[in-house]
Amino acid sequence: MAVTVAPLTTTVINAVPAWQTATASGINNAVASVASLLVIALLGTIATAELDRALDDRLAALAAPPEIVRAVDGARGGFVMPALPAAIAAEARETVQTVIAPSFAEALRSAMLIAAALALAGALSAALTMRPDDPGG
């Protein structure tokens, strides 16, 4: 996405009269900052919800005992592998890791697919809305 920032800024600045370039630049920077924050918050929320769903699905498929459920619940709400209790058996540790790791991958895959779709939508929007005679584009 960083590749598009300079051309977009140039297009915005070139689209306004010289005496309004400072205002256009300020608005462009503010909109870009707000959009970045919203996308990060949105993708984070979606990825966290997807992680919780994937963990629930895998736990339900295993009919896991309570000690495994408690250990897996430590992974909810973030993308860090939780420290497992020292008292948990080696077999249970392996089960916990086989539940959590693919759930992380599934959640991140969903977030990346959404980001790719948004990038594609942005490219498509630019391709369809820029006129060939536009001096800024």
N, C-alpha and C. Protein backbone atom coordinates (compact mmCIF):
# COMPACT_ATOMS: atom_id res chain seq x y z
N MET A 1 0.82 -1.19 0.00
CA MET A 1 0.00 0.00 0.00
C MET A 1 0.87 1.26 0.00
N ALA A 2 2.07 1.18 0.53
CA ALA A 2 2.94 2.35 0.59
C ALA A 2 3.29 2.86 -0.81
N VAL A 3 3.28 2.00 -1.79
CA VAL A 3 3.60 2.39 -3.16
C VAL A 3 2.57 3.38 -3.69
N THR A 4 1.35 3.33 -3.19
CA THR A 4 0.29 4.19 -3.71
C THR A 4 0.20 5.54 -3.03
N VAL A 5 0.87 5.72 -1.91
CA VAL A 5 0.71 6.96 -1.15
C VAL A 5 1.25 8.17 -1.91
N ALA A 6 2.47 8.10 -2.42
CA ALA A 6 3.06 9.25 -3.12
C ALA A 6 2.26 9.64 -4.37
N PRO A 7 1.90 8.69 -5.24
CA PRO A 7 1.09 9.10 -6.40
C PRO A 7 -0.28 9.65 -6.02
N LEU A 8 -0.88 9.08 -4.99
CA LEU A 8 -2.19 9.58 -4.56
C LEU A 8 -2.07 10.99 -4.02
N THR A 9 -1.06 11.24 -3.21
CA THR A 9 -0.84 12.58 -2.66
C THR A 9 -0.57 13.57 -3.79
N THR A 10 0.23 13.17 -4.76
CA THR A 10 0.51 14.04 -5.91
C THR A 10 -0.76 14.35 -6.68
N THR A 11 -1.59 13.35 -6.87
CA THR A 11 -2.86 13.55 -7.59
C THR A 11 -3.76 14.52 -6.84
N VAL A 12 -3.84 14.36 -5.52
CA VAL A 12 -4.68 15.25 -4.70
C VAL A 12 -4.16 16.68 -4.78
N ILE A 13 -2.88 16.85 -4.62
CA ILE A 13 -2.28 18.20 -4.63
C ILE A 13 -2.43 18.85 -6.01
N ASN A 14 -2.24 18.07 -7.07
CA ASN A 14 -2.36 18.63 -8.43
C ASN A 14 -3.80 18.92 -8.83
N ALA A 15 -4.76 18.39 -8.10
CA ALA A 15 -6.17 18.58 -8.46
C ALA A 15 -6.75 19.87 -7.92
N VAL A 16 -6.00 20.60 -7.10
CA VAL A 16 -6.52 21.84 -6.52
C VAL A 16 -5.67 23.03 -6.96
N PRO A 17 -6.23 24.22 -6.89
CA PRO A 17 -5.43 25.41 -7.22
C PRO A 17 -4.24 25.55 -6.26
N ALA A 18 -3.20 26.21 -6.71
CA ALA A 18 -1.96 26.34 -5.93
C ALA A 18 -2.20 26.93 -4.54
N TRP A 19 -3.12 27.85 -4.41
CA TRP A 19 -3.34 28.48 -3.11
C TRP A 19 -4.07 27.58 -2.12
N GLN A 20 -4.57 26.41 -2.58
CA GLN A 20 -5.26 25.46 -1.70
C GLN A 20 -4.47 24.18 -1.45
N THR A 21 -3.22 24.14 -1.88
CA THR A 21 -2.45 22.90 -1.73
C THR A 21 -2.21 22.52 -0.26
N ALA A 22 -1.99 23.49 0.59
CA ALA A 22 -1.77 23.18 2.01
C ALA A 22 -3.02 22.55 2.63
N THR A 23 -4.18 23.12 2.31
CA THR A 23 -5.43 22.57 2.82
C THR A 23 -5.66 21.16 2.26
N ALA A 24 -5.44 20.98 0.97
CA ALA A 24 -5.62 19.66 0.35
C ALA A 24 -4.67 18.64 0.97
N SER A 25 -3.44 19.04 1.22
CA SER A 25 -2.47 18.13 1.83
C SER A 25 -2.90 17.74 3.24
N GLY A 26 -3.37 18.71 4.01
CA GLY A 26 -3.83 18.44 5.37
C GLY A 26 -5.02 17.50 5.39
N ILE A 27 -5.98 17.76 4.51
CA ILE A 27 -7.16 16.89 4.44
C ILE A 27 -6.76 15.48 3.99
N ASN A 28 -5.89 15.40 3.00
CA ASN A 28 -5.42 14.10 2.51
C ASN A 28 -4.73 13.32 3.64
N ASN A 29 -3.88 13.96 4.41
CA ASN A 29 -3.18 13.29 5.51
C ASN A 29 -4.15 12.86 6.60
N ALA A 30 -5.10 13.72 6.93
CA ALA A 30 -6.07 13.38 7.97
C ALA A 30 -6.93 12.19 7.55
N VAL A 31 -7.41 12.20 6.32
CA VAL A 31 -8.25 11.10 5.83
C VAL A 31 -7.44 9.80 5.80
N ALA A 32 -6.19 9.86 5.35
CA ALA A 32 -5.36 8.66 5.30
C ALA A 32 -5.12 8.11 6.70
N SER A 33 -4.88 8.97 7.67
CA SER A 33 -4.65 8.52 9.05
C SER A 33 -5.89 7.88 9.64
N VAL A 34 -7.03 8.51 9.46
CA VAL A 34 -8.28 7.96 9.99
C VAL A 34 -8.61 6.63 9.32
N ALA A 35 -8.41 6.55 8.01
CA ALA A 35 -8.68 5.31 7.29
C ALA A 35 -7.77 4.19 7.78
N SER A 36 -6.52 4.49 8.02
CA SER A 36 -5.58 3.47 8.52
C SER A 36 -6.02 2.96 9.88
N LEU A 37 -6.40 3.88 10.75
CA LEU A 37 -6.84 3.47 12.09
C LEU A 37 -8.11 2.62 12.02
N LEU A 38 -9.04 3.01 11.18
CA LEU A 38 -10.28 2.23 11.05
C LEU A 38 -10.03 0.83 10.50
N VAL A 39 -9.17 0.73 9.51
CA VAL A 39 -8.89 -0.58 8.93
C VAL A 39 -8.17 -1.48 9.95
N ILE A 40 -7.23 -0.92 10.68
CA ILE A 40 -6.53 -1.71 11.70
C ILE A 40 -7.52 -2.19 12.76
N ALA A 41 -8.38 -1.30 13.22
CA ALA A 41 -9.37 -1.70 14.22
C ALA A 41 -10.34 -2.73 13.66
N LEU A 42 -10.80 -2.54 12.45
CA LEU A 42 -11.75 -3.46 11.84
C LEU A 42 -11.13 -4.84 11.60
N LEU A 43 -9.93 -4.85 11.02
CA LEU A 43 -9.28 -6.14 10.77
C LEU A 43 -8.93 -6.85 12.07
N GLY A 44 -8.53 -6.09 13.08
CA GLY A 44 -8.24 -6.69 14.37
C GLY A 44 -9.47 -7.31 15.00
N THR A 45 -10.58 -6.62 14.91
CA THR A 45 -11.84 -7.13 15.46
C THR A 45 -12.29 -8.39 14.71
N ILE A 46 -12.21 -8.34 13.40
CA ILE A 46 -12.60 -9.50 12.60
C ILE A 46 -11.68 -10.68 12.87
N ALA A 47 -10.38 -10.44 12.94
CA ALA A 47 -9.43 -11.53 13.18
C ALA A 47 -9.63 -12.14 14.56
N THR A 48 -9.91 -11.31 15.56
CA THR A 48 -10.14 -11.83 16.91
C THR A 48 -11.42 -12.67 16.95
N ALA A 49 -12.47 -12.19 16.30
CA ALA A 49 -13.72 -12.96 16.25
C ALA A 49 -13.52 -14.27 15.50
N GLU A 50 -12.76 -14.22 14.42
CA GLU A 50 -12.48 -15.43 13.64
C GLU A 50 -11.64 -16.41 14.46
N LEU A 51 -10.70 -15.90 15.23
CA LEU A 51 -9.89 -16.76 16.10
C LEU A 51 -10.78 -17.47 17.12
N ASP A 52 -11.66 -16.71 17.76
CA ASP A 52 -12.56 -17.31 18.75
C ASP A 52 -13.45 -18.38 18.12
N ARG A 53 -13.96 -18.10 16.92
CA ARG A 53 -14.81 -19.06 16.22
C ARG A 53 -14.03 -20.33 15.88
N ALA A 54 -12.81 -20.15 15.38
CA ALA A 54 -11.99 -21.31 15.01
C ALA A 54 -11.62 -22.14 16.24
N LEU A 55 -11.31 -21.47 17.35
CA LEU A 55 -11.01 -22.21 18.58
C LEU A 55 -12.23 -23.00 19.04
N ASP A 56 -13.40 -22.35 19.02
CA ASP A 56 -14.64 -23.03 19.42
C ASP A 56 -14.91 -24.25 18.54
N ASP A 57 -14.74 -24.09 17.23
CA ASP A 57 -14.99 -25.20 16.30
C ASP A 57 -14.06 -26.37 16.57
N ARG A 58 -12.79 -26.08 16.79
CA ARG A 58 -11.83 -27.15 17.03
C ARG A 58 -12.06 -27.82 18.38
N LEU A 59 -12.40 -27.03 19.39
CA LEU A 59 -12.70 -27.62 20.71
C LEU A 59 -13.94 -28.50 20.65
N ALA A 60 -14.96 -28.06 19.92
CA ALA A 60 -16.19 -28.84 19.80
C ALA A 60 -15.92 -30.15 19.06
N ALA A 61 -15.08 -30.10 18.04
CA ALA A 61 -14.76 -31.31 17.28
C ALA A 61 -13.99 -32.32 18.12
N LEU A 62 -13.21 -31.82 19.07
CA LEU A 62 -12.42 -32.71 19.93
C LEU A 62 -13.20 -33.26 21.12
N ALA A 63 -14.26 -32.55 21.49
CA ALA A 63 -14.94 -32.85 22.75
C ALA A 63 -13.90 -32.85 23.87
N ALA A 64 -13.16 -31.74 23.93
CA ALA A 64 -11.99 -31.62 24.80
C ALA A 64 -12.35 -31.60 26.28
N PRO A 65 -11.49 -32.18 27.10
CA PRO A 65 -11.70 -32.12 28.55
C PRO A 65 -11.46 -30.70 29.07
N PRO A 66 -11.95 -30.40 30.27
CA PRO A 66 -11.86 -29.03 30.81
C PRO A 66 -10.45 -28.46 30.88
N GLU A 67 -9.43 -29.27 31.17
CA GLU A 67 -8.07 -28.73 31.28
C GLU A 67 -7.59 -28.20 29.93
N ILE A 68 -7.96 -28.86 28.85
CA ILE A 68 -7.58 -28.40 27.51
C ILE A 68 -8.37 -27.14 27.15
N VAL A 69 -9.65 -27.13 27.49
CA VAL A 69 -10.49 -25.95 27.21
C VAL A 69 -9.92 -24.74 27.93
N ARG A 70 -9.54 -24.89 29.20
CA ARG A 70 -8.97 -23.77 29.96
C ARG A 70 -7.67 -23.29 29.34
N ALA A 71 -6.82 -24.22 28.92
CA ALA A 71 -5.55 -23.84 28.30
C ALA A 71 -5.77 -23.12 26.97
N VAL A 72 -6.72 -23.59 26.18
CA VAL A 72 -7.02 -22.96 24.89
C VAL A 72 -7.66 -21.59 25.10
N ASP A 73 -8.48 -21.45 26.12
CA ASP A 73 -9.12 -20.16 26.40
C ASP A 73 -8.10 -19.05 26.64
N GLY A 74 -6.89 -19.41 27.03
CA GLY A 74 -5.84 -18.41 27.22
C GLY A 74 -5.42 -17.73 25.93
N ALA A 75 -5.73 -18.34 24.80
CA ALA A 75 -5.37 -17.77 23.49
C ALA A 75 -6.40 -16.78 22.98
N ARG A 76 -7.53 -16.71 23.64
CA ARG A 76 -8.60 -15.80 23.16
C ARG A 76 -8.21 -14.34 23.41
N GLY A 77 -8.61 -13.50 22.48
CA GLY A 77 -8.41 -12.06 22.64
C GLY A 77 -7.04 -11.57 22.22
N GLY A 78 -6.23 -12.40 21.63
CA GLY A 78 -4.92 -11.95 21.19
C GLY A 78 -4.27 -12.98 20.28
N PHE A 79 -3.15 -12.61 19.72
CA PHE A 79 -2.46 -13.50 18.80
C PHE A 79 -1.09 -13.88 19.34
N VAL A 80 -1.09 -14.28 20.61
CA VAL A 80 0.13 -14.73 21.26
C VAL A 80 -0.16 -16.11 21.85
N MET A 81 0.74 -17.04 21.61
CA MET A 81 0.57 -18.37 22.17
C MET A 81 0.70 -18.25 23.69
N PRO A 82 -0.33 -18.64 24.42
CA PRO A 82 -0.29 -18.48 25.88
C PRO A 82 0.69 -19.46 26.51
N ALA A 83 1.21 -19.06 27.67
CA ALA A 83 2.05 -19.98 28.43
C ALA A 83 1.13 -21.06 29.01
N LEU A 84 1.50 -22.29 28.81
CA LEU A 84 0.67 -23.39 29.30
C LEU A 84 1.06 -23.71 30.74
N PRO A 85 0.08 -24.09 31.55
CA PRO A 85 0.38 -24.45 32.94
C PRO A 85 1.41 -25.58 33.00
N ALA A 86 2.31 -25.51 33.97
CA ALA A 86 3.36 -26.52 34.10
C ALA A 86 2.79 -27.90 34.41
N ALA A 87 1.63 -27.92 35.06
CA ALA A 87 1.03 -29.20 35.47
C ALA A 87 0.33 -29.94 34.34
N ILE A 88 0.19 -29.33 33.19
CA ILE A 88 -0.53 -29.96 32.10
C ILE A 88 0.34 -31.06 31.47
N ALA A 89 -0.26 -32.19 31.18
CA ALA A 89 0.46 -33.34 30.63
C ALA A 89 0.97 -33.05 29.22
N ALA A 90 2.02 -33.77 28.81
CA ALA A 90 2.63 -33.56 27.49
C ALA A 90 1.64 -33.79 26.36
N GLU A 91 0.80 -34.81 26.49
CA GLU A 91 -0.20 -35.10 25.46
C GLU A 91 -1.22 -33.97 25.36
N ALA A 92 -1.61 -33.44 26.50
CA ALA A 92 -2.56 -32.33 26.52
C ALA A 92 -1.92 -31.08 25.91
N ARG A 93 -0.62 -30.86 26.19
CA ARG A 93 0.09 -29.72 25.60
C ARG A 93 0.06 -29.79 24.07
N GLU A 94 0.31 -30.97 23.57
CA GLU A 94 0.30 -31.17 22.13
C GLU A 94 -1.09 -30.92 21.55
N THR A 95 -2.11 -31.37 22.25
CA THR A 95 -3.49 -31.15 21.80
C THR A 95 -3.81 -29.66 21.79
N VAL A 96 -3.41 -28.95 22.84
CA VAL A 96 -3.65 -27.51 22.93
C VAL A 96 -2.98 -26.80 21.75
N GLN A 97 -1.75 -27.17 21.46
CA GLN A 97 -1.03 -26.53 20.36
C GLN A 97 -1.65 -26.86 19.01
N THR A 98 -2.18 -28.07 18.85
CA THR A 98 -2.83 -28.42 17.58
C THR A 98 -4.19 -27.77 17.43
N VAL A 99 -4.75 -27.26 18.51
CA VAL A 99 -5.99 -26.48 18.43
C VAL A 99 -5.67 -25.02 18.14
N ILE A 100 -4.69 -24.48 18.85
CA ILE A 100 -4.41 -23.04 18.76
C ILE A 100 -3.72 -22.65 17.46
N ALA A 101 -2.66 -23.36 17.07
CA ALA A 101 -1.87 -22.95 15.89
C ALA A 101 -2.70 -22.85 14.61
N PRO A 102 -3.50 -23.85 14.25
CA PRO A 102 -4.30 -23.69 13.03
C PRO A 102 -5.39 -22.63 13.17
N SER A 103 -5.85 -22.41 14.39
CA SER A 103 -6.85 -21.35 14.60
C SER A 103 -6.23 -19.98 14.34
N PHE A 104 -4.99 -19.78 14.82
CA PHE A 104 -4.28 -18.54 14.52
C PHE A 104 -4.14 -18.36 13.01
N ALA A 105 -3.71 -19.41 12.34
CA ALA A 105 -3.51 -19.34 10.89
C ALA A 105 -4.81 -19.02 10.16
N GLU A 106 -5.89 -19.64 10.58
CA GLU A 106 -7.20 -19.40 9.95
C GLU A 106 -7.65 -17.95 10.13
N ALA A 107 -7.47 -17.41 11.34
CA ALA A 107 -7.87 -16.04 11.62
C ALA A 107 -7.03 -15.05 10.82
N LEU A 108 -5.72 -15.28 10.78
CA LEU A 108 -4.85 -14.37 10.02
C LEU A 108 -5.12 -14.47 8.52
N ARG A 109 -5.42 -15.67 8.05
CA ARG A 109 -5.76 -15.84 6.63
C ARG A 109 -7.00 -15.03 6.28
N SER A 110 -8.00 -15.07 7.14
CA SER A 110 -9.23 -14.30 6.90
C SER A 110 -8.94 -12.80 6.85
N ALA A 111 -8.13 -12.32 7.79
CA ALA A 111 -7.80 -10.90 7.80
C ALA A 111 -7.01 -10.50 6.55
N MET A 112 -6.10 -11.35 6.12
CA MET A 112 -5.30 -11.04 4.92
C MET A 112 -6.15 -11.08 3.65
N LEU A 113 -7.10 -11.99 3.60
CA LEU A 113 -8.00 -12.03 2.43
C LEU A 113 -8.86 -10.77 2.36
N ILE A 114 -9.30 -10.29 3.51
CA ILE A 114 -10.08 -9.05 3.53
C ILE A 114 -9.21 -7.88 3.09
N ALA A 115 -7.97 -7.83 3.59
CA ALA A 115 -7.05 -6.75 3.20
C ALA A 115 -6.76 -6.80 1.70
N ALA A 116 -6.57 -7.99 1.17
CA ALA A 116 -6.33 -8.13 -0.27
C ALA A 116 -7.55 -7.69 -1.08
N ALA A 117 -8.74 -8.04 -0.60
CA ALA A 117 -9.96 -7.63 -1.29
C ALA A 117 -10.12 -6.11 -1.27
N LEU A 118 -9.78 -5.49 -0.14
CA LEU A 118 -9.85 -4.03 -0.06
C LEU A 118 -8.84 -3.37 -1.00
N ALA A 119 -7.64 -3.93 -1.09
CA ALA A 119 -6.63 -3.39 -2.01
C ALA A 119 -7.10 -3.54 -3.46
N LEU A 120 -7.67 -4.69 -3.76
CA LEU A 120 -8.19 -4.91 -5.12
C LEU A 120 -9.34 -3.94 -5.42
N ALA A 121 -10.21 -3.73 -4.45
CA ALA A 121 -11.32 -2.78 -4.64
C ALA A 121 -10.79 -1.36 -4.87
N GLY A 122 -9.75 -1.00 -4.13
CA GLY A 122 -9.15 0.33 -4.32
C GLY A 122 -8.53 0.48 -5.70
N ALA A 123 -7.83 -0.56 -6.16
CA ALA A 123 -7.23 -0.52 -7.49
C ALA A 123 -8.30 -0.45 -8.57
N LEU A 124 -9.35 -1.24 -8.39
CA LEU A 124 -10.44 -1.23 -9.35
C LEU A 124 -11.14 0.13 -9.38
N SER A 125 -11.35 0.70 -8.21
CA SER A 125 -11.96 2.03 -8.12
C SER A 125 -11.11 3.07 -8.84
N ALA A 126 -9.80 3.02 -8.62
CA ALA A 126 -8.90 3.97 -9.29
C ALA A 126 -8.93 3.77 -10.80
N ALA A 127 -8.91 2.52 -11.23
CA ALA A 127 -8.91 2.24 -12.66
C ALA A 127 -10.19 2.71 -13.33
N LEU A 128 -11.30 2.61 -12.64
CA LEU A 128 -12.59 2.98 -13.24
C LEU A 128 -12.91 4.46 -13.14
N THR A 129 -12.29 5.15 -12.20
CA THR A 129 -12.67 6.55 -11.99
C THR A 129 -11.65 7.56 -12.53
N MET A 130 -10.44 7.13 -12.84
CA MET A 130 -9.45 8.07 -13.37
C MET A 130 -9.67 8.25 -14.87
N ARG A 131 -9.70 9.49 -15.28
CA ARG A 131 -9.88 9.79 -16.71
C ARG A 131 -8.51 9.85 -17.39
N PRO A 132 -8.42 9.41 -18.65
CA PRO A 132 -7.14 9.44 -19.36
C PRO A 132 -6.59 10.86 -19.53
N ASP A 133 -7.47 11.86 -19.62
CA ASP A 133 -6.99 13.23 -19.81
C ASP A 133 -6.73 13.94 -18.49
N ASP A 134 -6.81 13.22 -17.37
CA ASP A 134 -6.58 13.80 -16.05
C ASP A 134 -5.09 14.07 -15.87
N PRO A 135 -4.69 15.35 -15.70
CA PRO A 135 -3.25 15.64 -15.57
C PRO A 135 -2.65 15.06 -14.28
N GLY A 136 -3.46 14.78 -13.28
CA GLY A 136 -2.94 14.22 -12.04
C GLY A 136 -2.84 12.71 -12.09
N GLY A 137 -3.38 12.05 -13.06
CA GLY A 137 -3.38 10.59 -13.06
C GLY A 137 -3.07 10.05 -14.38
